[in-house]
PDB file of N, CA and C in Angstrom:
ATOM      1  N   MET A   1     -14.781 -41.852 -12.601  1.00  0.00           N
ATOM      2  CA  MET A   1     -14.622 -42.319 -11.238  1.00  0.00           C
ATOM      3  C   MET A   1     -14.200 -40.879 -10.190  1.00  0.00           C
ATOM      4  N   ALA A   2     -14.792 -41.430  -9.063  1.00  0.00           N
ATOM      5  CA  ALA A   2     -15.055 -40.154  -8.148  1.00  0.00           C
ATOM      6  C   ALA A   2     -13.506 -39.912  -7.470  1.00  0.00           C
ATOM      7  N   ALA A   3     -13.459 -38.570  -7.406  1.00  0.00           N
ATOM      8  CA  ALA A   3     -11.903 -38.258  -6.736  1.00  0.00           C
ATOM      9  C   ALA A   3     -11.892 -38.777  -5.514  1.00  0.00           C
ATOM     10  N   ARG A   4     -10.686 -39.313  -5.042  1.00  0.00           N
ATOM     11  CA  ARG A   4     -10.808 -39.506  -3.674  1.00  0.00           C
ATOM     12  C   ARG A   4      -9.977 -38.499  -2.826  1.00  0.00           C
ATOM     13  N   ARG A   5     -10.356 -38.474  -1.375  1.00  0.00           N
ATOM     14  CA  ARG A   5      -9.527 -37.273  -0.500  1.00  0.00           C
ATOM     15  C   ARG A   5      -9.369 -38.293   0.706  1.00  0.00           C
ATOM     16  N   ARG A   6      -8.334 -38.149   0.979  1.00  0.00           N
ATOM     17  CA  ARG A   6      -8.053 -38.258   2.788  1.00  0.00           C
ATOM     18  C   ARG A   6      -7.518 -37.263   3.468  1.00  0.00           C
ATOM     19  N   ASP A   7      -8.532 -37.178   4.467  1.00  0.00           N
ATOM     20  CA  ASP A   7      -8.233 -36.152   5.454  1.00  0.00           C
ATOM     21  C   ASP A   7      -7.160 -36.959   6.384  1.00  0.00           C
ATOM     22  N   VAL A   8      -6.189 -35.699   7.084  1.00  0.00           N
ATOM     23  CA  VAL A   8      -4.999 -35.874   7.935  1.00  0.00           C
ATOM     24  C   VAL A   8      -5.044 -34.954   8.841  1.00  0.00           C
ATOM     25  N   LEU A   9      -5.181 -35.461  10.129  1.00  0.00           N
ATOM     26  CA  LEU A   9      -4.902 -33.926  11.031  1.00  0.00           C
ATOM     27  C   LEU A   9      -3.606 -34.055  11.203  1.00  0.00           C
ATOM     28  N   VAL A  10      -2.580 -33.005  11.286  1.00  0.00           N
ATOM     29  CA  VAL A  10      -1.164 -32.805  11.656  1.00  0.00           C
ATOM     30  C   VAL A  10      -1.262 -32.110  12.789  1.00  0.00           C
ATOM     31  N   ARG A  11      -1.122 -32.785  14.086  1.00  0.00           N
ATOM     32  CA  ARG A  11      -0.324 -31.896  15.498  1.00  0.00           C
ATOM     33  C   ARG A  11       0.616 -30.922  15.294  1.00  0.00           C
ATOM     34  N   LEU A  12       0.625 -30.055  15.848  1.00  0.00           N
ATOM     35  CA  LEU A  12       1.976 -29.100  15.508  1.00  0.00           C
ATOM     36  C   LEU A  12       3.134 -29.606  16.284  1.00  0.00           C
ATOM     37  N   LEU A  13       4.314 -29.341  16.465  1.00  0.00           N
ATOM     38  CA  LEU A  13       5.528 -29.812  17.138  1.00  0.00           C
ATOM     39  C   LEU A  13       5.144 -30.101  18.566  1.00  0.00           C
ATOM     40  N   GLY A  14       5.564 -30.661  19.639  1.00  0.00           N
ATOM     41  CA  GLY A  14       5.084 -30.047  21.288  1.00  0.00           C
ATOM     42  C   GLY A  14       3.462 -30.265  21.623  1.00  0.00           C
ATOM     43  N   HIS A  15       2.986 -30.827  20.306  1.00  0.00           N
ATOM     44  CA  HIS A  15       1.420 -30.792  20.962  1.00  0.00           C
ATOM     45  C   HIS A  15       0.576 -32.101  20.995  1.00  0.00           C
ATOM     46  N   ARG A  16       1.617 -33.468  20.834  1.00  0.00           N
ATOM     47  CA  ARG A  16       0.972 -34.696  20.794  1.00  0.00           C
ATOM     48  C   ARG A  16       1.427 -35.239  22.455  1.00  0.00           C
ATOM     49  N   ALA A  17       1.017 -36.020  22.880  1.00  0.00           N
ATOM     50  CA  ALA A  17       1.164 -36.744  24.036  1.00  0.00           C
ATOM     51  C   ALA A  17       2.555 -37.662  24.229  1.00  0.00           C
ATOM     52  N   GLY A  18       2.459 -38.232  22.877  1.00  0.00           N
ATOM     53  CA  GLY A  18       3.568 -38.955  22.887  1.00  0.00           C
ATOM     54  C   GLY A  18       4.167 -39.246  21.729  1.00  0.00           C
ATOM     55  N   PRO A  19       4.739 -40.224  21.105  1.00  0.00           N
ATOM     56  CA  PRO A  19       5.468 -40.572  19.823  1.00  0.00           C
ATOM     57  C   PRO A  19       4.283 -40.030  18.893  1.00  0.00           C
ATOM     58  N   ALA A  20       5.024 -39.788  17.968  1.00  0.00           N
ATOM     59  CA  ALA A  20       3.711 -39.823  16.360  1.00  0.00           C
ATOM     60  C   ALA A  20       3.361 -40.953  15.917  1.00  0.00           C
ATOM     61  N   ARG A  21       2.235 -41.740  15.558  1.00  0.00           N
ATOM     62  CA  ARG A  21       2.176 -42.633  14.567  1.00  0.00           C
ATOM     63  C   ARG A  21       3.446 -43.135  13.700  1.00  0.00           C
ATOM     64  N   ASP A  22       4.117 -42.290  13.055  1.00  0.00           N
ATOM     65  CA  ASP A  22       5.358 -42.852  12.703  1.00  0.00           C
ATOM     66  C   ASP A  22       6.245 -43.259  13.278  1.00  0.00           C
ATOM     67  N   GLY A  23       6.094 -43.236  14.941  1.00  0.00           N
ATOM     68  CA  GLY A  23       7.060 -43.447  15.444  1.00  0.00           C
ATOM     69  C   GLY A  23       7.864 -42.748  16.049  1.00  0.00           C
ATOM     70  N   ARG A  24       7.975 -41.811  15.245  1.00  0.00           N
ATOM     71  CA  ARG A  24       8.972 -40.651  15.594  1.00  0.00           C
ATOM     72  C   ARG A  24       8.516 -39.983  16.932  1.00  0.00           C
ATOM     73  N   SER A  25       9.272 -39.356  17.959  1.00  0.00           N
ATOM     74  CA  SER A  25       9.016 -38.377  19.158  1.00  0.00           C
ATOM     75  C   SER A  25       8.790 -36.835  18.315  1.00  0.00           C
ATOM     76  N   ASP A  26       8.195 -36.028  19.053  1.00  0.00           N
ATOM     77  CA  ASP A  26       8.307 -35.005  19.058  1.00  0.00           C
ATOM     78  C   ASP A  26       9.544 -34.038  18.925  1.00  0.00           C
ATOM     79  N   GLN A  27      10.421 -33.478  18.061  1.00  0.00           N
ATOM     80  CA  GLN A  27      11.251 -32.529  18.066  1.00  0.00           C
ATOM     81  C   GLN A  27      11.066 -31.606  19.277  1.00  0.00           C
ATOM     82  N   ALA A  28      12.450 -31.632  19.422  1.00  0.00           N
ATOM     83  CA  ALA A  28      12.920 -30.855  20.992  1.00  0.00           C
ATOM     84  C   ALA A  28      12.468 -29.279  21.069  1.00  0.00           C
ATOM     85  N   PRO A  29      11.886 -28.754  21.856  1.00  0.00           N
ATOM     86  CA  PRO A  29      11.880 -27.196  21.423  1.00  0.00           C
ATOM     87  C   PRO A  29      13.197 -26.681  21.091  1.00  0.00           C
ATOM     88  N   PRO A  30      13.200 -25.105  20.709  1.00  0.00           N
ATOM     89  CA  PRO A  30      12.204 -24.637  20.478  1.00  0.00           C
ATOM     90  C   PRO A  30      11.219 -24.998  19.210  1.00  0.00           C
ATOM     91  N   TRP A  31       9.601 -24.910  18.987  1.00  0.00           N
ATOM     92  CA  TRP A  31       9.059 -25.262  18.439  1.00  0.00           C
ATOM     93  C   TRP A  31       8.684 -23.890  17.733  1.00  0.00           C
ATOM     94  N   ASN A  32       9.760 -23.353  16.860  1.00  0.00           N
ATOM     95  CA  ASN A  32       9.455 -21.920  15.747  1.00  0.00           C
ATOM     96  C   ASN A  32       8.899 -22.340  14.438  1.00  0.00           C
ATOM     97  N   THR A  33       8.523 -21.652  13.532  1.00  0.00           N
ATOM     98  CA  THR A  33       8.044 -21.457  12.239  1.00  0.00           C
ATOM     99  C   THR A  33       8.830 -22.542  11.638  1.00  0.00           C
ATOM    100  N   GLU A  34       9.996 -22.026  11.622  1.00  0.00           N
ATOM    101  CA  GLU A  34      11.198 -23.118  10.912  1.00  0.00           C
ATOM    102  C   GLU A  34      11.079 -24.473  11.095  1.00  0.00           C
ATOM    103  N   ALA A  35      10.850 -24.807  12.603  1.00  0.00           N
ATOM    104  CA  ALA A  35      11.283 -25.934  13.000  1.00  0.00           C
ATOM    105  C   ALA A  35       9.838 -26.660  11.928  1.00  0.00           C
ATOM    106  N   HIS A  36       8.591 -26.205  12.360  1.00  0.00           N
ATOM    107  CA  HIS A  36       7.433 -26.657  11.326  1.00  0.00           C
ATOM    108  C   HIS A  36       7.070 -26.992  10.547  1.00  0.00           C
ATOM    109  N   VAL A  37       7.958 -25.861   9.459  1.00  0.00           N
ATOM    110  CA  VAL A  37       8.093 -26.040   8.351  1.00  0.00           C
ATOM    111  C   VAL A  37       9.130 -27.085   7.693  1.00  0.00           C
ATOM    112  N   THR A  38      10.027 -27.033   8.732  1.00  0.00           N
ATOM    113  CA  THR A  38      11.108 -27.965   8.144  1.00  0.00           C
ATOM    114  C   THR A  38      10.744 -29.626   7.922  1.00  0.00           C
ATOM    115  N   ASN A  39       9.721 -29.889   9.386  1.00  0.00           N
ATOM    116  CA  ASN A  39       9.645 -31.078   9.716  1.00  0.00           C
ATOM    117  C   ASN A  39       8.210 -31.375   8.994  1.00  0.00           C
ATOM    118  N   MET A  40       7.570 -30.678   7.899  1.00  0.00           N
ATOM    119  CA  MET A  40       6.056 -31.229   7.410  1.00  0.00           C
ATOM    120  C   MET A  40       6.387 -32.119   6.287  1.00  0.00           C
ATOM    121  N   PRO A  41       7.723 -31.636   5.354  1.00  0.00           N
ATOM    122  CA  PRO A  41       7.883 -32.645   4.277  1.00  0.00           C
ATOM    123  C   PRO A  41       7.988 -34.116   4.669  1.00  0.00           C
ATOM    124  N   ALA A  42       8.554 -34.510   6.007  1.00  0.00           N
ATOM    125  CA  ALA A  42       8.620 -35.687   6.351  1.00  0.00           C
ATOM    126  C   ALA A  42       7.588 -36.171   7.367  1.00  0.00           C
ATOM    127  N   VAL A  43       6.520 -35.039   7.726  1.00  0.00           N
ATOM    128  CA  VAL A  43       5.320 -35.794   8.001  1.00  0.00           C
ATOM    129  C   VAL A  43       4.288 -36.057   7.085  1.00  0.00           C
ATOM    130  N   LEU A  44       4.516 -35.580   5.851  1.00  0.00           N
ATOM    131  CA  LEU A  44       3.663 -35.887   4.309  1.00  0.00           C
ATOM    132  C   LEU A  44       4.590 -37.160   3.536  1.00  0.00           C
ATOM    133  N   ASP A  45       5.501 -37.117   3.756  1.00  0.00           N
ATOM    134  CA  ASP A  45       6.353 -38.698   3.330  1.00  0.00           C
ATOM    135  C   ASP A  45       5.486 -39.717   4.334  1.00  0.00           C
ATOM    136  N   ALA A  46       5.684 -39.529   5.526  1.00  0.00           N
ATOM    137  CA  ALA A  46       5.113 -40.316   6.481  1.00  0.00           C
ATOM    138  C   ALA A  46       3.971 -41.220   5.961  1.00  0.00           C
ATOM    139  N   ARG A  47       2.860 -40.303   5.365  1.00  0.00           N
ATOM    140  CA  ARG A  47       1.613 -40.668   5.339  1.00  0.00           C
ATOM    141  C   ARG A  47       1.730 -40.936   3.435  1.00  0.00           C
ATOM    142  N   ASN A  48       2.625 -40.827   2.995  1.00  0.00           N
ATOM    143  CA  ASN A  48       2.690 -41.042   1.578  1.00  0.00           C
ATOM    144  C   ASN A  48       1.847 -40.254   0.931  1.00  0.00           C
ATOM    145  N   LEU A  49       2.015 -38.958   1.150  1.00  0.00           N
ATOM    146  CA  LEU A  49       1.214 -37.517   0.404  1.00  0.00           C
ATOM    147  C   LEU A  49       2.650 -36.840  -0.334  1.00  0.00           C
ATOM    148  N   ASP A  50       2.267 -36.641  -1.543  1.00  0.00           N
ATOM    149  CA  ASP A  50       3.048 -36.132  -2.791  1.00  0.00           C
ATOM    150  C   ASP A  50       2.622 -34.585  -2.366  1.00  0.00           C
ATOM    151  N   ARG A  51       1.458 -34.323  -2.690  1.00  0.00           N
ATOM    152  CA  ARG A  51       0.542 -32.977  -2.925  1.00  0.00           C
ATOM    153  C   ARG A  51      -0.205 -32.970  -1.908  1.00  0.00           C
ATOM    154  N   VAL A  52      -0.496 -31.938  -1.356  1.00  0.00           N
ATOM    155  CA  VAL A  52      -1.532 -31.642  -0.530  1.00  0.00           C
ATOM    156  C   VAL A  52      -2.575 -30.393  -0.540  1.00  0.00           C
ATOM    157  N   GLU A  53      -3.882 -30.339   0.097  1.00  0.00           N
ATOM    158  CA  GLU A  53      -4.477 -28.876   0.224  1.00  0.00           C
ATOM    159  C   GLU A  53      -4.743 -29.043   1.622  1.00  0.00           C
ATOM    160  N   LEU A  54      -4.386 -27.722   2.278  1.00  0.00           N
ATOM    161  CA  LEU A  54      -4.067 -27.382   3.482  1.00  0.00           C
ATOM    162  C   LEU A  54      -5.553 -26.436   3.893  1.00  0.00           C
ATOM    163  N   LEU A  55      -5.847 -26.723   5.462  1.00  0.00           N
ATOM    164  CA  LEU A  55      -6.710 -26.156   5.774  1.00  0.00           C
ATOM    165  C   LEU A  55      -6.274 -25.691   7.804  1.00  0.00           C
ATOM    166  N   ALA A  56      -6.125 -24.385   7.310  1.00  0.00           N
ATOM    167  CA  ALA A  56      -4.879 -24.298   8.496  1.00  0.00           C
ATOM    168  C   ALA A  56      -5.570 -23.208   9.412  1.00  0.00           C
ATOM    169  N   HIS A  57      -5.514 -23.254  10.617  1.00  0.00           N
ATOM    170  CA  HIS A  57      -6.118 -22.186  11.463  1.00  0.00           C
ATOM    171  C   HIS A  57      -5.238 -21.556  12.376  1.00  0.00           C
ATOM    172  N   SER A  58      -4.534 -20.277  12.674  1.00  0.00           N
ATOM    173  CA  SER A  58      -3.822 -19.340  13.566  1.00  0.00           C
ATOM    174  C   SER A  58      -2.865 -19.571  13.203  1.00  0.00           C
ATOM    175  N   PHE A  59      -1.590 -19.990  14.117  1.00  0.00           N
ATOM    176  CA  PHE A  59      -0.376 -20.661  13.857  1.00  0.00           C
ATOM    177  C   PHE A  59      -0.178 -21.567  12.618  1.00  0.00           C
ATOM    178  N   GLY A  60      -1.142 -22.019  12.546  1.00  0.00           N
ATOM    179  CA  GLY A  60      -0.681 -23.594  11.441  1.00  0.00           C
ATOM    180  C   GLY A  60      -0.980 -22.567  10.009  1.00  0.00           C
ATOM    181  N   GLY A  61      -2.111 -21.360  10.110  1.00  0.00           N
ATOM    182  CA  GLY A  61      -1.982 -20.930   8.729  1.00  0.00           C
ATOM    183  C   GLY A  61      -0.439 -19.995   8.300  1.00  0.00           C
ATOM    184  N   LEU A  62       0.384 -19.714   9.449  1.00  0.00           N
ATOM    185  CA  LEU A  62       1.377 -19.174   8.852  1.00  0.00           C
ATOM    186  C   LEU A  62       2.411 -20.206   8.550  1.00  0.00           C
ATOM    187  N   ILE A  63       2.386 -21.675   9.107  1.00  0.00           N
ATOM    188  CA  ILE A  63       3.034 -22.471   8.635  1.00  0.00           C
ATOM    189  C   ILE A  63       2.764 -23.122   7.176  1.00  0.00           C
ATOM    190  N   ALA A  64       1.526 -23.098   6.975  1.00  0.00           N
ATOM    191  CA  ALA A  64       0.892 -23.577   5.835  1.00  0.00           C
ATOM    192  C   ALA A  64       1.652 -22.649   4.757  1.00  0.00           C
ATOM    193  N   LEU A  65       1.342 -21.288   4.806  1.00  0.00           N
ATOM    194  CA  LEU A  65       2.372 -19.964   3.987  1.00  0.00           C
ATOM    195  C   LEU A  65       3.546 -20.276   3.743  1.00  0.00           C
ATOM    196  N   ARG A  66       3.971 -20.348   4.650  1.00  0.00           N
ATOM    197  CA  ARG A  66       5.614 -20.544   4.938  1.00  0.00           C
ATOM    198  C   ARG A  66       5.898 -22.076   3.627  1.00  0.00           C
ATOM    199  N   LEU A  67       5.241 -22.896   4.503  1.00  0.00           N
ATOM    200  CA  LEU A  67       5.582 -24.603   3.448  1.00  0.00           C
ATOM    201  C   LEU A  67       5.301 -24.478   1.822  1.00  0.00           C
ATOM    202  N   ALA A  68       4.188 -23.862   1.878  1.00  0.00           N
ATOM    203  CA  ALA A  68       4.072 -23.159   0.409  1.00  0.00           C
ATOM    204  C   ALA A  68       4.745 -22.652  -0.613  1.00  0.00           C
ATOM    205  N   HIS A  69       5.867 -21.346   0.346  1.00  0.00           N
ATOM    206  CA  HIS A  69       6.672 -20.832   0.047  1.00  0.00           C
ATOM    207  C   HIS A  69       8.034 -21.561  -0.425  1.00  0.00           C
ATOM    208  N   ALA A  70       8.305 -22.725   0.791  1.00  0.00           N
ATOM    209  CA  ALA A  70       9.495 -23.455   1.032  1.00  0.00           C
ATOM    210  C   ALA A  70       9.275 -24.709  -0.206  1.00  0.00           C
ATOM    211  N   ALA A  71       8.077 -25.263  -0.467  1.00  0.00           N
ATOM    212  CA  ALA A  71       7.881 -26.126  -1.014  1.00  0.00           C
ATOM    213  C   ALA A  71       6.537 -26.360  -1.707  1.00  0.00           C
ATOM    214  N   PRO A  72       6.587 -25.635  -2.776  1.00  0.00           N
ATOM    215  CA  PRO A  72       5.357 -25.406  -3.746  1.00  0.00           C
ATOM    216  C   PRO A  72       5.158 -26.642  -4.742  1.00  0.00           C
ATOM    217  N   GLU A  73       6.066 -27.429  -4.730  1.00  0.00           N
ATOM    218  CA  GLU A  73       5.438 -28.542  -5.214  1.00  0.00           C
ATOM    219  C   GLU A  73       4.565 -29.479  -4.311  1.00  0.00           C
ATOM    220  N   ARG A  74       4.586 -29.723  -2.999  1.00  0.00           N
ATOM    221  CA  ARG A  74       4.117 -30.642  -2.511  1.00  0.00           C
ATOM    222  C   ARG A  74       2.536 -29.615  -1.641  1.00  0.00           C
ATOM    223  N   VAL A  75       2.116 -28.338  -2.265  1.00  0.00           N
ATOM    224  CA  VAL A  75       1.039 -27.725  -1.602  1.00  0.00           C
ATOM    225  C   VAL A  75       0.242 -27.332  -2.932  1.00  0.00           C
ATOM    226  N   GLY A  76      -0.955 -28.023  -3.019  1.00  0.00           N
ATOM    227  CA  GLY A  76      -2.030 -27.490  -3.966  1.00  0.00           C
ATOM    228  C   GLY A  76      -2.360 -26.017  -3.500  1.00  0.00           C
ATOM    229  N   ARG A  77      -3.898 -26.425  -2.558  1.00  0.00           N
ATOM    230  CA  ARG A  77      -4.753 -25.108  -2.419  1.00  0.00           C
ATOM    231  C   ARG A  77      -4.473 -25.073  -1.002  1.00  0.00           C
ATOM    232  N   ILE A  78      -4.598 -23.519  -0.707  1.00  0.00           N
ATOM    233  CA  ILE A  78      -4.520 -23.636   1.261  1.00  0.00           C
ATOM    234  C   ILE A  78      -6.116 -22.508   1.312  1.00  0.00           C
ATOM    235  N   VAL A  79      -6.546 -23.578   2.553  1.00  0.00           N
ATOM    236  CA  VAL A  79      -7.710 -22.059   3.327  1.00  0.00           C
ATOM    237  C   VAL A  79      -7.449 -22.096   4.454  1.00  0.00           C
ATOM    238  N   LEU A  80      -7.389 -20.534   4.662  1.00  0.00           N
ATOM    239  CA  LEU A  80      -6.922 -20.150   5.963  1.00  0.00           C
ATOM    240  C   LEU A  80      -8.002 -20.033   6.811  1.00  0.00           C
ATOM    241  N   LEU A  81      -8.133 -20.262   8.065  1.00  0.00           N
ATOM    242  CA  LEU A  81      -9.037 -19.658   8.985  1.00  0.00           C
ATOM    243  C   LEU A  81      -8.323 -18.790  10.181  1.00  0.00           C
ATOM    244  N   ASP A  82      -8.614 -17.644  10.509  1.00  0.00           N
ATOM    245  CA  ASP A  82      -8.048 -16.734  11.085  1.00  0.00           C
ATOM    246  C   ASP A  82      -6.565 -16.726  11.140  1.00  0.00           C
ATOM    247  N   PRO A  83      -5.608 -16.419  10.145  1.00  0.00           N
ATOM    248  CA  PRO A  83      -4.332 -16.928  10.449  1.00  0.00           C
ATOM    249  C   PRO A  83      -3.658 -16.383  10.909  1.00  0.00           C
ATOM    250  N   SER A  84      -2.424 -16.428  11.581  1.00  0.00           N
ATOM    251  CA  SER A  84      -1.752 -15.651  12.323  1.00  0.00           C
ATOM    252  C   SER A  84      -0.226 -15.272  12.278  1.00  0.00           C
ATOM    253  N   VAL A  85      -0.405 -14.336  10.416  1.00  0.00           N
ATOM    254  CA  VAL A  85       0.695 -13.962   9.933  1.00  0.00           C
ATOM    255  C   VAL A  85       1.643 -12.909  10.069  1.00  0.00           C
ATOM    256  N   GLY A  86       1.628 -12.056  11.578  1.00  0.00           N
ATOM    257  CA  GLY A  86       2.342 -11.357  11.699  1.00  0.00           C
ATOM    258  C   GLY A  86       1.740 -10.015  11.110  1.00  0.00           C
ATOM    259  N   LEU A  87       0.964  -9.780  10.915  1.00  0.00           N
ATOM    260  CA  LEU A  87       0.598  -8.034  10.653  1.00  0.00           C
ATOM    261  C   LEU A  87       0.192  -7.266  12.023  1.00  0.00           C
ATOM    262  N   PRO A  88       0.734  -5.989  11.623  1.00  0.00           N
ATOM    263  CA  PRO A  88       0.302  -5.352  12.740  1.00  0.00           C
ATOM    264  C   PRO A  88      -0.723  -5.027  13.239  1.00  0.00           C
ATOM    265  N   ALA A  89      -1.193  -5.139  14.164  1.00  0.00           N
ATOM    266  CA  ALA A  89      -2.289  -4.332  14.344  1.00  0.00           C
ATOM    267  C   ALA A  89      -3.114  -3.119  13.778  1.00  0.00           C
ATOM    268  N   GLY A  90      -2.253  -2.113  14.068  1.00  0.00           N
ATOM    269  CA  GLY A  90      -2.631  -0.924  12.937  1.00  0.00           C
ATOM    270  C   GLY A  90      -2.994  -1.106  11.976  1.00  0.00           C
ATOM    271  N   ARG A  91      -2.106  -1.920  11.034  1.00  0.00           N
ATOM    272  CA  ARG A  91      -2.500  -2.095   9.816  1.00  0.00           C
ATOM    273  C   ARG A  91      -3.505  -2.950   9.410  1.00  0.00           C
ATOM    274  N   MET A  92      -4.285  -3.488  10.501  1.00  0.00           N
ATOM    275  CA  MET A  92      -5.415  -4.723  10.302  1.00  0.00           C
ATOM    276  C   MET A  92      -6.705  -3.790  10.874  1.00  0.00           C
ATOM    277  N   GLN A  93      -6.515  -2.871  11.221  1.00  0.00           N
ATOM    278  CA  GLN A  93      -7.100  -2.181  11.886  1.00  0.00           C
ATOM    279  C   GLN A  93      -7.868  -1.180  10.687  1.00  0.00           C
ATOM    280  N   ASP A  94      -6.655  -0.593   9.895  1.00  0.00           N
ATOM    281  CA  ASP A  94      -6.801   0.333   8.726  1.00  0.00           C
ATOM    282  C   ASP A  94      -7.504  -0.403   7.729  1.00  0.00           C
ATOM    283  N   GLN A  95      -7.245  -1.376   8.000  1.00  0.00           N
ATOM    284  CA  GLN A  95      -7.817  -2.533   6.451  1.00  0.00           C
ATOM    285  C   GLN A  95      -9.195  -2.629   6.612  1.00  0.00           C
ATOM    286  N   VAL A  96      -9.929  -2.741   7.925  1.00  0.00           N
ATOM    287  CA  VAL A  96     -11.047  -3.566   8.512  1.00  0.00           C
ATOM    288  C   VAL A  96     -12.262  -2.255   8.293  1.00  0.00           C
ATOM    289  N   ARG A  97     -11.328  -0.901   8.508  1.00  0.00           N
ATOM    290  CA  ARG A  97     -12.198   0.214   8.300  1.00  0.00           C
ATOM    291  C   ARG A  97     -12.090   0.704   6.887  1.00  0.00           C
ATOM    292  N   GLN A  98     -11.554   0.402   6.142  1.00  0.00           N
ATOM    293  CA  GLN A  98     -11.770   0.501   4.741  1.00  0.00           C
ATOM    294  C   GLN A  98     -12.237  -0.223   4.156  1.00  0.00           C
ATOM    295  N   SER A  99     -12.578  -1.659   4.445  1.00  0.00           N
ATOM    296  CA  SER A  99     -13.716  -2.343   4.062  1.00  0.00           C
ATOM    297  C   SER A  99     -14.762  -2.294   4.128  1.00  0.00           C
ATOM    298  N   LEU A 100     -15.066  -1.829   5.661  1.00  0.00           N
ATOM    299  CA  LEU A 100     -16.224  -1.407   5.897  1.00  0.00           C
ATOM    300  C   LEU A 100     -17.277  -0.311   5.198  1.00  0.00           C
ATOM    301  N   SER A 101     -16.221   0.904   4.743  1.00  0.00           N
ATOM    302  CA  SER A 101     -16.510   2.350   4.598  1.00  0.00           C
ATOM    303  C   SER A 101     -16.712   2.032   2.861  1.00  0.00           C
ATOM    304  N   SER A 102     -16.498   0.933   2.265  1.00  0.00           N
ATOM    305  CA  SER A 102     -16.415   0.176   0.955  1.00  0.00           C
ATOM    306  C   SER A 102     -17.955   0.080   0.704  1.00  0.00           C
ATOM    307  N   GLY A 103     -18.526   0.044   1.551  1.00  0.00           N
ATOM    308  CA  GLY A 103     -20.301  -0.428   1.452  1.00  0.00           C
ATOM    309  C   GLY A 103     -20.432  -1.415   1.164  1.00  0.00           C
ATOM    310  N   PHE A 104     -19.174  -2.694   0.873  1.00  0.00           N
ATOM    311  CA  PHE A 104     -19.552  -4.239   0.385  1.00  0.00           C
ATOM    312  C   PHE A 104     -20.221  -5.011   1.585  1.00  0.00           C
ATOM    313  N   PHE A 105     -19.673  -4.359   2.850  1.00  0.00           N
ATOM    314  CA  PHE A 105     -20.302  -5.209   4.164  1.00  0.00           C
ATOM    315  C   PHE A 105     -20.928  -4.036   4.822  1.00  0.00           C
ATOM    316  N   ALA A 106     -22.069  -5.027   6.005  1.00  0.00           N
ATOM    317  CA  ALA A 106     -23.178  -4.036   6.474  1.00  0.00           C
ATOM    318  C   ALA A 106     -22.533  -3.355   7.601  1.00  0.00           C
ATOM    319  N   ASP A 107     -23.073  -2.279   8.211  1.00  0.00           N
ATOM    320  CA  ASP A 107     -22.487  -1.536   8.878  1.00  0.00           C
ATOM    321  C   ASP A 107     -22.748  -2.528  10.190  1.00  0.00           C
ATOM    322  N   PRO A 108     -21.792  -2.924  10.845  1.00  0.00           N
ATOM    323  CA  PRO A 108     -22.029  -3.286  12.255  1.00  0.00           C
ATOM    324  C   PRO A 108     -23.130  -2.696  13.395  1.00  0.00           C
ATOM    325  N   GLU A 109     -22.674  -1.611  13.431  1.00  0.00           N
ATOM    326  CA  GLU A 109     -23.811  -0.716  14.257  1.00  0.00           C
ATOM    327  C   GLU A 109     -25.203  -0.435  14.270  1.00  0.00           C
TER     328      GLU A 109
END
């Protein structure tokens, strides 16, 4: 039997125009990382999702990583696209330089 997959778009708190499909309205600000992570199990439960694979972009990447840490039984795999994980810019520049000097990547110039 073929594997069954259901794609679900989860909008971050404060990013929808009205009540969620499950009838709940957005949580009042602040919409910080902790609030998003705390809210996610309820969102998954409302959709009858026990364990999920996540595709996350930007701030969603940080939320996905924190959710995997807080509730590892709920998260299978994670794909991160340009995640905002709070690494210092200088450290990122050093990592890019090191990667480019390794010869693995073509020189952009």
